[in-house]
Amino acid sequence: MQEPLPVLMGRRILLREPREGDAAPLFEHTSDPEVTRFLAFDPPSAIEETELFIARAREYRLHDREYIFVIADVGTDVPLGVTALRHLDLMMSTAQIGTWVARPHWGSGVNGEAKQLLLDYAFDALGLHRIEARIPSPNARSRRAFEKLGAVCEGTLRESFLKHGQYHDTHLYVVLSSDWDRVRNSPQAATTRTLKGPRDAVSDN
């Protein structure tokens, strides 16, 4: 994708492309080992690692490898976490979703709203058909969150996640476009969603 990612607006948060000014808050959030406990990477040892992540996000987008969004407060634009579509296969209309949120915002609904916005974008704007999430077995909170979004557990990948020298099973959760249509059209669906283009992005100031 040559053009910048759109800004996805929710009630409490927005999703936007990472910027250089995000390095310090993202570095601070991921320096918390609890935040990266179930992620494929460990806390960064220096802010330069976060700066490199931001630089690579644009490169990945240009090559349609990953679409990475910062989760930011809708009022202040302060970064609260990251969510992404990874392992994009536009020919097969599939991708994997990954999300992390700073610990002060756990249980606040930020994670769920970020996933809702990203799934809307994946199915409506990109026309994807199947979104996967691979969740380590100990991460019960994330498993429950995906189940609330209508995801189906299709199976278990035995000892496929290595963290700190220990292998864990990974559960494969999947949301199809038809699943998502059913979930968001249900009476329980309450998130207000608006899609804005790059020109409507929040300023750097």
N, C-alpha and C. Protein backbone atom coordinates (compact mmCIF):
# COMPACT_ATOMS: atom_id res chain seq x y z
N MET A 1 0.84 -1.19 0.00
CA MET A 1 0.00 0.00 0.00
C MET A 1 0.88 1.24 0.00
N GLN A 2 0.75 2.05 -1.03
CA GLN A 2 1.60 3.23 -1.17
C GLN A 2 1.11 4.40 -0.32
N GLU A 3 -0.19 4.55 -0.19
CA GLU A 3 -0.73 5.65 0.59
C GLU A 3 -0.70 5.32 2.08
N PRO A 4 -0.64 6.36 2.94
CA PRO A 4 -0.67 6.11 4.39
C PRO A 4 -1.93 5.36 4.80
N LEU A 5 -1.83 4.64 5.89
CA LEU A 5 -3.01 3.96 6.42
C LEU A 5 -4.04 5.00 6.85
N PRO A 6 -5.32 4.67 6.76
CA PRO A 6 -6.34 5.61 7.22
C PRO A 6 -6.36 5.70 8.73
N VAL A 7 -7.01 6.72 9.24
CA VAL A 7 -7.26 6.85 10.67
C VAL A 7 -8.62 6.22 10.95
N LEU A 8 -8.66 5.28 11.87
CA LEU A 8 -9.90 4.59 12.23
C LEU A 8 -10.38 5.15 13.56
N MET A 9 -11.54 5.78 13.55
CA MET A 9 -12.04 6.48 14.72
C MET A 9 -13.06 5.64 15.48
N GLY A 10 -12.87 5.54 16.79
CA GLY A 10 -13.83 4.89 17.65
C GLY A 10 -14.39 5.87 18.66
N ARG A 11 -15.04 5.36 19.68
CA ARG A 11 -15.61 6.24 20.71
C ARG A 11 -14.54 6.76 21.66
N ARG A 12 -13.64 5.88 22.09
CA ARG A 12 -12.62 6.25 23.07
C ARG A 12 -11.22 6.30 22.49
N ILE A 13 -11.03 5.61 21.40
CA ILE A 13 -9.69 5.49 20.81
C ILE A 13 -9.73 5.75 19.32
N LEU A 14 -8.56 5.93 18.75
CA LEU A 14 -8.40 5.95 17.30
C LEU A 14 -7.20 5.07 16.96
N LEU A 15 -7.21 4.54 15.77
CA LEU A 15 -6.07 3.78 15.25
C LEU A 15 -5.45 4.59 14.12
N ARG A 16 -4.14 4.74 14.16
CA ARG A 16 -3.43 5.51 13.13
C ARG A 16 -2.04 4.92 12.92
N GLU A 17 -1.40 5.38 11.86
CA GLU A 17 -0.05 4.89 11.56
C GLU A 17 0.94 5.41 12.60
N PRO A 18 1.95 4.62 12.97
CA PRO A 18 2.97 5.09 13.93
C PRO A 18 3.74 6.28 13.39
N ARG A 19 4.16 7.17 14.31
CA ARG A 19 4.97 8.34 13.97
C ARG A 19 6.21 8.36 14.85
N GLU A 20 7.21 9.14 14.44
CA GLU A 20 8.46 9.21 15.20
C GLU A 20 8.21 9.62 16.65
N GLY A 21 7.28 10.52 16.86
CA GLY A 21 7.00 11.00 18.22
C GLY A 21 6.40 9.96 19.13
N ASP A 22 6.02 8.80 18.58
CA ASP A 22 5.44 7.73 19.40
C ASP A 22 6.50 6.89 20.10
N ALA A 23 7.76 7.05 19.73
CA ALA A 23 8.81 6.15 20.22
C ALA A 23 8.89 6.14 21.74
N ALA A 24 8.90 7.31 22.37
CA ALA A 24 9.08 7.36 23.82
C ALA A 24 7.94 6.68 24.57
N PRO A 25 6.66 6.99 24.30
CA PRO A 25 5.60 6.31 25.04
C PRO A 25 5.51 4.83 24.72
N LEU A 26 5.75 4.43 23.48
CA LEU A 26 5.71 3.01 23.16
C LEU A 26 6.85 2.27 23.85
N PHE A 27 8.02 2.88 23.90
CA PHE A 27 9.15 2.27 24.60
C PHE A 27 8.82 2.09 26.08
N GLU A 28 8.22 3.11 26.68
CA GLU A 28 7.85 3.03 28.10
C GLU A 28 6.85 1.90 28.34
N HIS A 29 5.84 1.80 27.48
CA HIS A 29 4.82 0.76 27.66
C HIS A 29 5.43 -0.64 27.53
N THR A 30 6.26 -0.85 26.52
CA THR A 30 6.80 -2.19 26.28
C THR A 30 7.97 -2.52 27.19
N SER A 31 8.42 -1.56 27.98
CA SER A 31 9.44 -1.85 28.99
C SER A 31 8.84 -2.59 30.18
N ASP A 32 7.52 -2.65 30.25
CA ASP A 32 6.81 -3.40 31.29
C ASP A 32 6.79 -4.87 30.87
N PRO A 33 7.48 -5.76 31.60
CA PRO A 33 7.53 -7.17 31.19
C PRO A 33 6.18 -7.85 31.17
N GLU A 34 5.21 -7.33 31.93
CA GLU A 34 3.88 -7.91 31.91
C GLU A 34 3.19 -7.66 30.57
N VAL A 35 3.50 -6.53 29.94
CA VAL A 35 2.90 -6.21 28.65
C VAL A 35 3.40 -7.18 27.57
N THR A 36 4.67 -7.54 27.63
CA THR A 36 5.25 -8.41 26.60
C THR A 36 5.26 -9.88 27.01
N ARG A 37 4.61 -10.20 28.10
CA ARG A 37 4.64 -11.56 28.65
C ARG A 37 4.21 -12.61 27.63
N PHE A 38 3.17 -12.31 26.86
CA PHE A 38 2.65 -13.28 25.89
C PHE A 38 2.92 -12.85 24.45
N LEU A 39 3.87 -11.94 24.26
CA LEU A 39 4.23 -11.49 22.92
C LEU A 39 5.51 -12.19 22.46
N ALA A 40 5.75 -12.13 21.15
CA ALA A 40 6.90 -12.82 20.59
C ALA A 40 8.21 -12.10 20.84
N PHE A 41 8.15 -10.88 21.40
CA PHE A 41 9.37 -10.13 21.68
C PHE A 41 9.44 -9.79 23.16
N ASP A 42 10.65 -9.56 23.65
CA ASP A 42 10.88 -9.17 25.03
C ASP A 42 10.92 -7.65 25.13
N PRO A 43 10.88 -7.09 26.36
CA PRO A 43 10.98 -5.63 26.49
C PRO A 43 12.22 -5.10 25.79
N PRO A 44 12.11 -3.99 25.06
CA PRO A 44 13.28 -3.43 24.36
C PRO A 44 14.32 -2.94 25.37
N SER A 45 15.58 -3.06 25.00
CA SER A 45 16.66 -2.63 25.89
C SER A 45 17.02 -1.17 25.70
N ALA A 46 16.58 -0.58 24.58
CA ALA A 46 16.89 0.83 24.30
C ALA A 46 15.81 1.39 23.40
N ILE A 47 15.60 2.71 23.49
CA ILE A 47 14.55 3.34 22.70
C ILE A 47 14.83 3.22 21.20
N GLU A 48 16.08 3.03 20.83
CA GLU A 48 16.41 2.87 19.41
C GLU A 48 15.70 1.67 18.80
N GLU A 49 15.45 0.64 19.60
CA GLU A 49 14.72 -0.52 19.09
C GLU A 49 13.29 -0.14 18.72
N THR A 50 12.68 0.71 19.53
CA THR A 50 11.32 1.17 19.24
C THR A 50 11.32 2.09 18.02
N GLU A 51 12.33 2.93 17.90
CA GLU A 51 12.44 3.79 16.73
C GLU A 51 12.57 2.96 15.45
N LEU A 52 13.32 1.86 15.54
CA LEU A 52 13.48 0.98 14.38
C LEU A 52 12.15 0.31 14.03
N PHE A 53 11.40 -0.08 15.06
CA PHE A 53 10.07 -0.67 14.83
C PHE A 53 9.17 0.30 14.06
N ILE A 54 9.19 1.57 14.45
CA ILE A 54 8.35 2.58 13.78
C ILE A 54 8.79 2.76 12.32
N ALA A 55 10.09 2.78 12.10
CA ALA A 55 10.60 2.92 10.73
C ALA A 55 10.21 1.72 9.87
N ARG A 56 10.28 0.54 10.45
CA ARG A 56 9.96 -0.67 9.70
C ARG A 56 8.47 -0.78 9.41
N ALA A 57 7.64 -0.18 10.26
CA ALA A 57 6.19 -0.25 10.05
C ALA A 57 5.82 0.31 8.68
N ARG A 58 6.44 1.42 8.31
CA ARG A 58 6.17 2.02 7.00
C ARG A 58 6.66 1.10 5.88
N GLU A 59 7.83 0.52 6.06
CA GLU A 59 8.37 -0.39 5.05
C GLU A 59 7.46 -1.60 4.86
N TYR A 60 6.97 -2.15 5.97
CA TYR A 60 6.07 -3.30 5.88
C TYR A 60 4.79 -2.93 5.15
N ARG A 61 4.27 -1.73 5.42
CA ARG A 61 3.04 -1.29 4.75
C ARG A 61 3.26 -1.14 3.25
N LEU A 62 4.40 -0.57 2.85
CA LEU A 62 4.69 -0.37 1.43
C LEU A 62 4.74 -1.69 0.67
N HIS A 63 5.16 -2.76 1.37
CA HIS A 63 5.27 -4.06 0.73
C HIS A 63 4.09 -4.98 1.07
N ASP A 64 3.05 -4.42 1.69
CA ASP A 64 1.85 -5.18 2.05
C ASP A 64 2.18 -6.41 2.89
N ARG A 65 3.18 -6.26 3.77
CA ARG A 65 3.52 -7.35 4.68
C ARG A 65 2.72 -7.26 5.97
N GLU A 66 2.66 -6.06 6.52
CA GLU A 66 1.93 -5.82 7.76
C GLU A 66 1.36 -4.42 7.72
N TYR A 67 0.17 -4.25 8.29
CA TYR A 67 -0.41 -2.93 8.48
C TYR A 67 -0.47 -2.69 9.99
N ILE A 68 0.41 -1.82 10.46
CA ILE A 68 0.58 -1.60 11.90
C ILE A 68 -0.04 -0.27 12.29
N PHE A 69 -0.89 -0.30 13.32
CA PHE A 69 -1.56 0.89 13.83
C PHE A 69 -1.17 1.14 15.28
N VAL A 70 -0.98 2.40 15.63
CA VAL A 70 -0.91 2.79 17.03
C VAL A 70 -2.33 2.97 17.55
N ILE A 71 -2.58 2.47 18.75
CA ILE A 71 -3.85 2.72 19.44
C ILE A 71 -3.64 3.98 20.27
N ALA A 72 -4.42 5.02 20.00
CA ALA A 72 -4.23 6.30 20.69
C ALA A 72 -5.54 6.78 21.29
N ASP A 73 -5.43 7.54 22.38
CA ASP A 73 -6.60 8.16 22.99
C ASP A 73 -7.25 9.12 22.00
N VAL A 74 -8.56 9.04 21.85
CA VAL A 74 -9.22 9.83 20.82
C VAL A 74 -9.18 11.32 21.12
N GLY A 75 -9.03 11.69 22.40
CA GLY A 75 -9.00 13.10 22.76
C GLY A 75 -7.62 13.71 22.79
N THR A 76 -6.63 12.92 23.22
CA THR A 76 -5.28 13.45 23.41
C THR A 76 -4.26 12.94 22.39
N ASP A 77 -4.59 11.89 21.67
CA ASP A 77 -3.69 11.26 20.71
C ASP A 77 -2.49 10.58 21.38
N VAL A 78 -2.55 10.37 22.68
CA VAL A 78 -1.47 9.69 23.41
C VAL A 78 -1.51 8.19 23.09
N PRO A 79 -0.39 7.58 22.68
CA PRO A 79 -0.38 6.16 22.38
C PRO A 79 -0.68 5.30 23.61
N LEU A 80 -1.55 4.31 23.41
CA LEU A 80 -1.93 3.39 24.47
C LEU A 80 -1.50 1.96 24.16
N GLY A 81 -1.10 1.71 22.92
CA GLY A 81 -0.73 0.37 22.52
C GLY A 81 -0.57 0.28 21.02
N VAL A 82 -0.57 -0.96 20.53
CA VAL A 82 -0.38 -1.22 19.09
C VAL A 82 -1.29 -2.37 18.69
N THR A 83 -1.84 -2.28 17.50
CA THR A 83 -2.56 -3.41 16.91
C THR A 83 -2.17 -3.51 15.45
N ALA A 84 -2.22 -4.70 14.89
CA ALA A 84 -1.69 -4.87 13.54
C ALA A 84 -2.34 -6.04 12.83
N LEU A 85 -2.37 -5.94 11.51
CA LEU A 85 -2.67 -7.06 10.63
C LEU A 85 -1.33 -7.57 10.11
N ARG A 86 -0.98 -8.79 10.47
CA ARG A 86 0.31 -9.37 10.10
C ARG A 86 0.10 -10.54 9.14
N HIS A 87 1.20 -10.96 8.54
CA HIS A 87 1.15 -12.10 7.60
C HIS A 87 0.03 -11.90 6.59
N LEU A 88 -0.05 -10.69 6.05
CA LEU A 88 -1.08 -10.37 5.07
C LEU A 88 -0.91 -11.21 3.80
N ASP A 89 -2.00 -11.78 3.36
CA ASP A 89 -2.03 -12.47 2.07
C ASP A 89 -3.25 -11.94 1.34
N LEU A 90 -3.06 -10.88 0.56
CA LEU A 90 -4.18 -10.24 -0.10
C LEU A 90 -4.77 -11.13 -1.19
N MET A 91 -3.98 -12.04 -1.74
CA MET A 91 -4.50 -12.94 -2.76
C MET A 91 -5.47 -13.95 -2.15
N MET A 92 -5.13 -14.47 -0.97
CA MET A 92 -5.98 -15.43 -0.29
C MET A 92 -6.96 -14.76 0.68
N SER A 93 -6.85 -13.45 0.82
CA SER A 93 -7.76 -12.65 1.67
C SER A 93 -7.68 -13.07 3.14
N THR A 94 -6.45 -13.25 3.63
CA THR A 94 -6.26 -13.66 5.01
C THR A 94 -5.20 -12.78 5.69
N ALA A 95 -5.23 -12.79 7.01
CA ALA A 95 -4.22 -12.08 7.80
C ALA A 95 -4.31 -12.58 9.23
N GLN A 96 -3.28 -12.26 10.01
CA GLN A 96 -3.30 -12.50 11.46
C GLN A 96 -3.40 -11.17 12.17
N ILE A 97 -4.11 -11.15 13.29
CA ILE A 97 -4.26 -9.95 14.08
C ILE A 97 -3.44 -10.09 15.36
N GLY A 98 -2.80 -9.00 15.76
CA GLY A 98 -2.05 -8.97 17.01
C GLY A 98 -2.27 -7.63 17.69
N THR A 99 -2.40 -7.64 19.01
CA THR A 99 -2.68 -6.41 19.75
C THR A 99 -2.01 -6.45 21.11
N TRP A 100 -1.45 -5.32 21.53
CA TRP A 100 -1.06 -5.17 22.93
C TRP A 100 -1.47 -3.78 23.40
N VAL A 101 -1.76 -3.70 24.70
CA VAL A 101 -2.22 -2.45 25.32
C VAL A 101 -1.44 -2.23 26.60
N ALA A 102 -1.08 -0.98 26.89
CA ALA A 102 -0.36 -0.65 28.12
C ALA A 102 -1.15 -1.10 29.34
N ARG A 103 -0.44 -1.54 30.38
CA ARG A 103 -1.10 -2.14 31.53
C ARG A 103 -2.13 -1.24 32.21
N PRO A 104 -1.92 0.11 32.32
CA PRO A 104 -2.94 0.94 32.96
C PRO A 104 -4.31 0.88 32.27
N HIS A 105 -4.34 0.38 31.04
CA HIS A 105 -5.59 0.37 30.29
C HIS A 105 -6.17 -1.04 30.14
N TRP A 106 -5.59 -2.00 30.85
CA TRP A 106 -6.17 -3.34 30.85
C TRP A 106 -7.54 -3.29 31.51
N GLY A 107 -8.48 -4.01 30.94
CA GLY A 107 -9.82 -4.06 31.51
C GLY A 107 -10.66 -2.84 31.24
N SER A 108 -10.14 -1.89 30.45
CA SER A 108 -10.86 -0.64 30.19
C SER A 108 -11.73 -0.70 28.95
N GLY A 109 -11.61 -1.75 28.17
CA GLY A 109 -12.32 -1.86 26.91
C GLY A 109 -11.52 -1.38 25.71
N VAL A 110 -10.32 -0.83 25.96
CA VAL A 110 -9.49 -0.32 24.87
C VAL A 110 -9.10 -1.45 23.92
N ASN A 111 -8.69 -2.58 24.46
CA ASN A 111 -8.27 -3.71 23.63
C ASN A 111 -9.40 -4.18 22.73
N GLY A 112 -10.58 -4.35 23.32
CA GLY A 112 -11.72 -4.82 22.54
C GLY A 112 -12.12 -3.85 21.45
N GLU A 113 -12.12 -2.55 21.77
CA GLU A 113 -12.50 -1.56 20.77
C GLU A 113 -11.48 -1.51 19.64
N ALA A 114 -10.19 -1.65 19.98
CA ALA A 114 -9.16 -1.67 18.94
C ALA A 114 -9.36 -2.85 17.99
N LYS A 115 -9.66 -4.00 18.54
CA LYS A 115 -9.90 -5.17 17.70
C LYS A 115 -11.12 -4.96 16.81
N GLN A 116 -12.18 -4.36 17.36
CA GLN A 116 -13.38 -4.11 16.57
C GLN A 116 -13.08 -3.19 15.39
N LEU A 117 -12.36 -2.12 15.66
CA LEU A 117 -12.03 -1.18 14.59
C LEU A 117 -11.17 -1.84 13.51
N LEU A 118 -10.20 -2.65 13.96
CA LEU A 118 -9.31 -3.29 12.99
C LEU A 118 -10.04 -4.36 12.17
N LEU A 119 -10.95 -5.08 12.81
CA LEU A 119 -11.72 -6.08 12.07
C LEU A 119 -12.65 -5.41 11.06
N ASP A 120 -13.26 -4.30 11.44
CA ASP A 120 -14.07 -3.54 10.47
C ASP A 120 -13.23 -3.17 9.25
N TYR A 121 -12.04 -2.65 9.51
CA TYR A 121 -11.15 -2.23 8.42
C TYR A 121 -10.75 -3.43 7.56
N ALA A 122 -10.41 -4.53 8.21
CA ALA A 122 -9.94 -5.71 7.48
C ALA A 122 -11.02 -6.26 6.56
N PHE A 123 -12.24 -6.36 7.06
CA PHE A 123 -13.30 -6.97 6.28
C PHE A 123 -13.95 -5.99 5.30
N ASP A 124 -14.15 -4.75 5.72
CA ASP A 124 -14.87 -3.79 4.88
C ASP A 124 -13.96 -3.09 3.87
N ALA A 125 -12.86 -2.51 4.36
CA ALA A 125 -11.98 -1.72 3.48
C ALA A 125 -11.05 -2.61 2.64
N LEU A 126 -10.50 -3.66 3.27
CA LEU A 126 -9.55 -4.51 2.56
C LEU A 126 -10.21 -5.71 1.89
N GLY A 127 -11.44 -6.01 2.28
CA GLY A 127 -12.14 -7.14 1.68
C GLY A 127 -11.58 -8.49 2.07
N LEU A 128 -10.94 -8.58 3.25
CA LEU A 128 -10.40 -9.86 3.69
C LEU A 128 -11.54 -10.81 4.07
N HIS A 129 -11.24 -12.08 4.07
CA HIS A 129 -12.24 -13.10 4.35
C HIS A 129 -12.02 -13.81 5.68
N ARG A 130 -10.74 -13.94 6.07
CA ARG A 130 -10.41 -14.75 7.25
C ARG A 130 -9.31 -14.05 8.04
N ILE A 131 -9.56 -13.86 9.33
CA ILE A 131 -8.58 -13.26 10.23
C ILE A 131 -8.27 -14.27 11.33
N GLU A 132 -6.98 -14.52 11.53
CA GLU A 132 -6.55 -15.47 12.55
C GLU A 132 -5.88 -14.76 13.72
N ALA A 133 -5.95 -15.40 14.87
CA ALA A 133 -5.19 -14.96 16.04
C ALA A 133 -4.61 -16.21 16.70
N ARG A 134 -3.32 -16.19 16.96
CA ARG A 134 -2.66 -17.32 17.61
C ARG A 134 -2.32 -16.90 19.03
N ILE A 135 -2.98 -17.51 19.99
CA ILE A 135 -2.93 -17.05 21.37
C ILE A 135 -2.30 -18.13 22.26
N PRO A 136 -1.21 -17.80 22.96
CA PRO A 136 -0.60 -18.78 23.87
C PRO A 136 -1.59 -19.24 24.93
N SER A 137 -1.52 -20.50 25.27
CA SER A 137 -2.47 -21.11 26.19
C SER A 137 -2.62 -20.36 27.52
N PRO A 138 -1.53 -19.84 28.13
CA PRO A 138 -1.71 -19.16 29.42
C PRO A 138 -2.45 -17.83 29.33
N ASN A 139 -2.63 -17.28 28.13
CA ASN A 139 -3.23 -15.96 27.98
C ASN A 139 -4.75 -16.07 27.92
N ALA A 140 -5.35 -16.42 29.05
CA ALA A 140 -6.79 -16.64 29.10
C ALA A 140 -7.57 -15.36 28.82
N ARG A 141 -7.04 -14.22 29.25
CA ARG A 141 -7.74 -12.95 29.02
C ARG A 141 -7.94 -12.69 27.52
N SER A 142 -6.89 -12.91 26.75
CA SER A 142 -6.98 -12.67 25.31
C SER A 142 -7.91 -13.68 24.64
N ARG A 143 -7.89 -14.89 25.10
CA ARG A 143 -8.78 -15.91 24.53
C ARG A 143 -10.23 -15.54 24.75
N ARG A 144 -10.57 -15.07 25.94
CA ARG A 144 -11.95 -14.66 26.22
C ARG A 144 -12.34 -13.47 25.35
N ALA A 145 -11.40 -12.53 25.17
CA ALA A 145 -11.69 -11.34 24.36
C ALA A 145 -12.03 -11.72 22.93
N PHE A 146 -11.29 -12.66 22.36
CA PHE A 146 -11.57 -13.07 20.99
C PHE A 146 -12.88 -13.84 20.89
N GLU A 147 -13.19 -14.63 21.90
CA GLU A 147 -14.45 -15.36 21.88
C GLU A 147 -15.64 -14.39 21.89
N LYS A 148 -15.50 -13.28 22.60
CA LYS A 148 -16.57 -12.27 22.63
C LYS A 148 -16.76 -11.62 21.26
N LEU A 149 -15.72 -11.65 20.43
CA LEU A 149 -15.80 -11.07 19.09
C LEU A 149 -16.29 -12.07 18.05
N GLY A 150 -16.73 -13.23 18.52
CA GLY A 150 -17.26 -14.23 17.60
C GLY A 150 -16.23 -15.16 17.02
N ALA A 151 -15.00 -15.12 17.52
CA ALA A 151 -13.95 -15.99 16.99
C ALA A 151 -14.20 -17.44 17.41
N VAL A 152 -13.82 -18.34 16.53
CA VAL A 152 -13.95 -19.77 16.77
C VAL A 152 -12.56 -20.36 16.94
N CYS A 153 -12.38 -21.17 17.97
CA CYS A 153 -11.10 -21.86 18.17
C CYS A 153 -11.09 -23.09 17.26
N GLU A 154 -10.20 -23.06 16.27
CA GLU A 154 -10.16 -24.15 15.29
C GLU A 154 -9.19 -25.26 15.67
N GLY A 155 -8.40 -25.03 16.71
CA GLY A 155 -7.49 -26.08 17.11
C GLY A 155 -6.34 -25.57 17.96
N THR A 156 -5.46 -26.47 18.33
CA THR A 156 -4.33 -26.16 19.19
C THR A 156 -3.03 -26.57 18.50
N LEU A 157 -2.10 -25.64 18.45
CA LEU A 157 -0.77 -25.92 17.92
C LEU A 157 0.14 -26.24 19.10
N ARG A 158 0.48 -27.49 19.25
CA ARG A 158 1.17 -27.93 20.45
C ARG A 158 2.58 -27.37 20.55
N GLU A 159 2.89 -26.79 21.72
CA GLU A 159 4.23 -26.30 22.04
C GLU A 159 4.82 -25.48 20.88
N SER A 160 4.04 -24.55 20.38
CA SER A 160 4.46 -23.75 19.23
C SER A 160 4.90 -22.34 19.60
N PHE A 161 4.83 -21.99 20.89
CA PHE A 161 5.22 -20.65 21.35
C PHE A 161 6.30 -20.80 22.42
N LEU A 162 7.47 -20.22 22.14
CA LEU A 162 8.60 -20.31 23.06
C LEU A 162 8.81 -18.97 23.73
N LYS A 163 8.81 -18.96 25.06
CA LYS A 163 9.04 -17.73 25.81
C LYS A 163 9.87 -18.06 27.04
N HIS A 164 11.02 -17.39 27.13
CA HIS A 164 11.90 -17.56 28.29
C HIS A 164 12.24 -19.04 28.51
N GLY A 165 12.51 -19.73 27.42
CA GLY A 165 12.95 -21.11 27.51
C GLY A 165 11.86 -22.13 27.74
N GLN A 166 10.61 -21.71 27.74
CA GLN A 166 9.50 -22.63 27.99
C GLN A 166 8.55 -22.62 26.79
N TYR A 167 8.15 -23.82 26.35
CA TYR A 167 7.21 -23.94 25.25
C TYR A 167 5.78 -23.96 25.78
N HIS A 168 4.89 -23.30 25.02
CA HIS A 168 3.46 -23.28 25.36
C HIS A 168 2.66 -23.67 24.12
N ASP A 169 1.51 -24.29 24.37
CA ASP A 169 0.57 -24.52 23.28
C ASP A 169 0.02 -23.18 22.80
N THR A 170 -0.36 -23.12 21.54
CA THR A 170 -1.00 -21.93 20.97
C THR A 170 -2.36 -22.31 20.42
N HIS A 171 -3.37 -21.53 20.76
CA HIS A 171 -4.72 -21.79 20.27
C HIS A 171 -4.99 -20.92 19.05
N LEU A 172 -5.50 -21.53 18.00
CA LEU A 172 -5.79 -20.82 16.76
C LEU A 172 -7.25 -20.37 16.74
N TYR A 173 -7.43 -19.06 16.86
CA TYR A 173 -8.78 -18.47 16.80
C TYR A 173 -8.97 -17.82 15.44
N VAL A 174 -10.18 -17.94 14.91
CA VAL A 174 -10.47 -17.44 13.57
C VAL A 174 -11.80 -16.70 13.55
N VAL A 175 -11.82 -15.55 12.87
CA VAL A 175 -13.05 -14.82 12.58
C VAL A 175 -13.18 -14.73 11.07
N LEU A 176 -14.29 -15.23 10.53
CA LEU A 176 -14.59 -15.08 9.12
C LEU A 176 -15.43 -13.83 8.90
N SER A 177 -15.45 -13.33 7.67
CA SER A 177 -16.24 -12.14 7.40
C SER A 177 -17.71 -12.35 7.74
N SER A 178 -18.22 -13.56 7.52
CA SER A 178 -19.61 -13.85 7.86
C SER A 178 -19.83 -13.86 9.37
N ASP A 179 -18.83 -14.34 10.12
CA ASP A 179 -18.91 -14.29 11.59
C ASP A 179 -19.00 -12.85 12.06
N TRP A 180 -18.17 -11.99 11.47
CA TRP A 180 -18.11 -10.60 11.91
C TRP A 180 -19.39 -9.85 11.57
N ASP A 181 -19.97 -10.13 10.42
CA ASP A 181 -21.25 -9.52 10.07
C ASP A 181 -22.31 -9.86 11.11
N ARG A 182 -22.31 -11.10 11.54
CA ARG A 182 -23.30 -11.54 12.52
C ARG A 182 -23.07 -10.87 13.87
N VAL A 183 -21.81 -10.74 14.28
CA VAL A 183 -21.51 -10.16 15.59
C VAL A 183 -21.84 -8.67 15.63
N ARG A 184 -21.42 -7.92 14.64
CA ARG A 184 -21.61 -6.47 14.71
C ARG A 184 -23.04 -6.05 14.41
N ASN A 185 -23.84 -6.94 13.83
CA ASN A 185 -25.25 -6.64 13.60
C ASN A 185 -26.14 -7.11 14.73
N SER A 186 -25.51 -7.68 15.77
CA SER A 186 -26.29 -8.16 16.91
C SER A 186 -26.68 -6.98 17.80
N PRO A 187 -27.72 -7.14 18.65
CA PRO A 187 -28.14 -6.05 19.55
C PRO A 187 -27.04 -5.61 20.51
N GLN A 188 -26.08 -6.51 20.80
CA GLN A 188 -25.03 -6.18 21.76
C GLN A 188 -23.97 -5.26 21.17
N ALA A 189 -23.90 -5.16 19.85
CA ALA A 189 -22.87 -4.34 19.22
C ALA A 189 -23.17 -2.87 19.44
N ALA A 190 -22.24 -2.15 20.13
CA ALA A 190 -22.53 -0.77 20.51
C ALA A 190 -21.46 0.22 20.09
N THR A 191 -20.35 -0.27 19.53
CA THR A 191 -19.25 0.65 19.21
C THR A 191 -19.60 1.50 18.00
N THR A 192 -19.37 2.80 18.11
CA THR A 192 -19.57 3.71 16.98
C THR A 192 -18.30 3.73 16.15
N ARG A 193 -18.44 3.49 14.84
CA ARG A 193 -17.26 3.39 13.99
C ARG A 193 -17.34 4.40 12.87
N THR A 194 -16.25 5.11 12.64
CA THR A 194 -16.15 6.04 11.52
C THR A 194 -14.79 5.87 10.89
N LEU A 195 -14.74 5.78 9.59
CA LEU A 195 -13.47 5.63 8.87
C LEU A 195 -13.09 6.96 8.28
N LYS A 196 -11.89 7.47 8.64
CA LYS A 196 -11.39 8.72 8.10
C LYS A 196 -10.14 8.46 7.27
N GLY A 197 -9.93 9.30 6.28
CA GLY A 197 -8.77 9.16 5.42
C GLY A 197 -7.56 9.81 6.03
N PRO A 198 -6.39 9.69 5.38
CA PRO A 198 -5.13 10.22 5.91
C PRO A 198 -5.18 11.71 6.19
N ARG A 199 -5.93 12.48 5.41
CA ARG A 199 -5.95 13.92 5.61
C ARG A 199 -6.65 14.31 6.91
N ASP A 200 -7.43 13.39 7.46
CA ASP A 200 -8.13 13.67 8.70
C ASP A 200 -7.34 13.22 9.91
N ALA A 201 -6.11 12.76 9.71
CA ALA A 201 -5.30 12.27 10.82
C ALA A 201 -5.01 13.38 11.82
N VAL A 202 -4.90 12.96 13.08
CA VAL A 202 -4.57 13.91 14.13
C VAL A 202 -3.17 14.46 13.88
N SER A 203 -2.97 15.74 14.13
CA SER A 203 -1.68 16.37 13.86
C SER A 203 -0.63 15.89 14.85
N ASP A 204 0.62 16.16 14.52
CA ASP A 204 1.72 15.76 15.39
C ASP A 204 1.80 16.63 16.63
N ASN A 205 1.12 17.73 16.67
CA ASN A 205 1.24 18.67 17.79
C ASN A 205 0.27 18.32 18.91
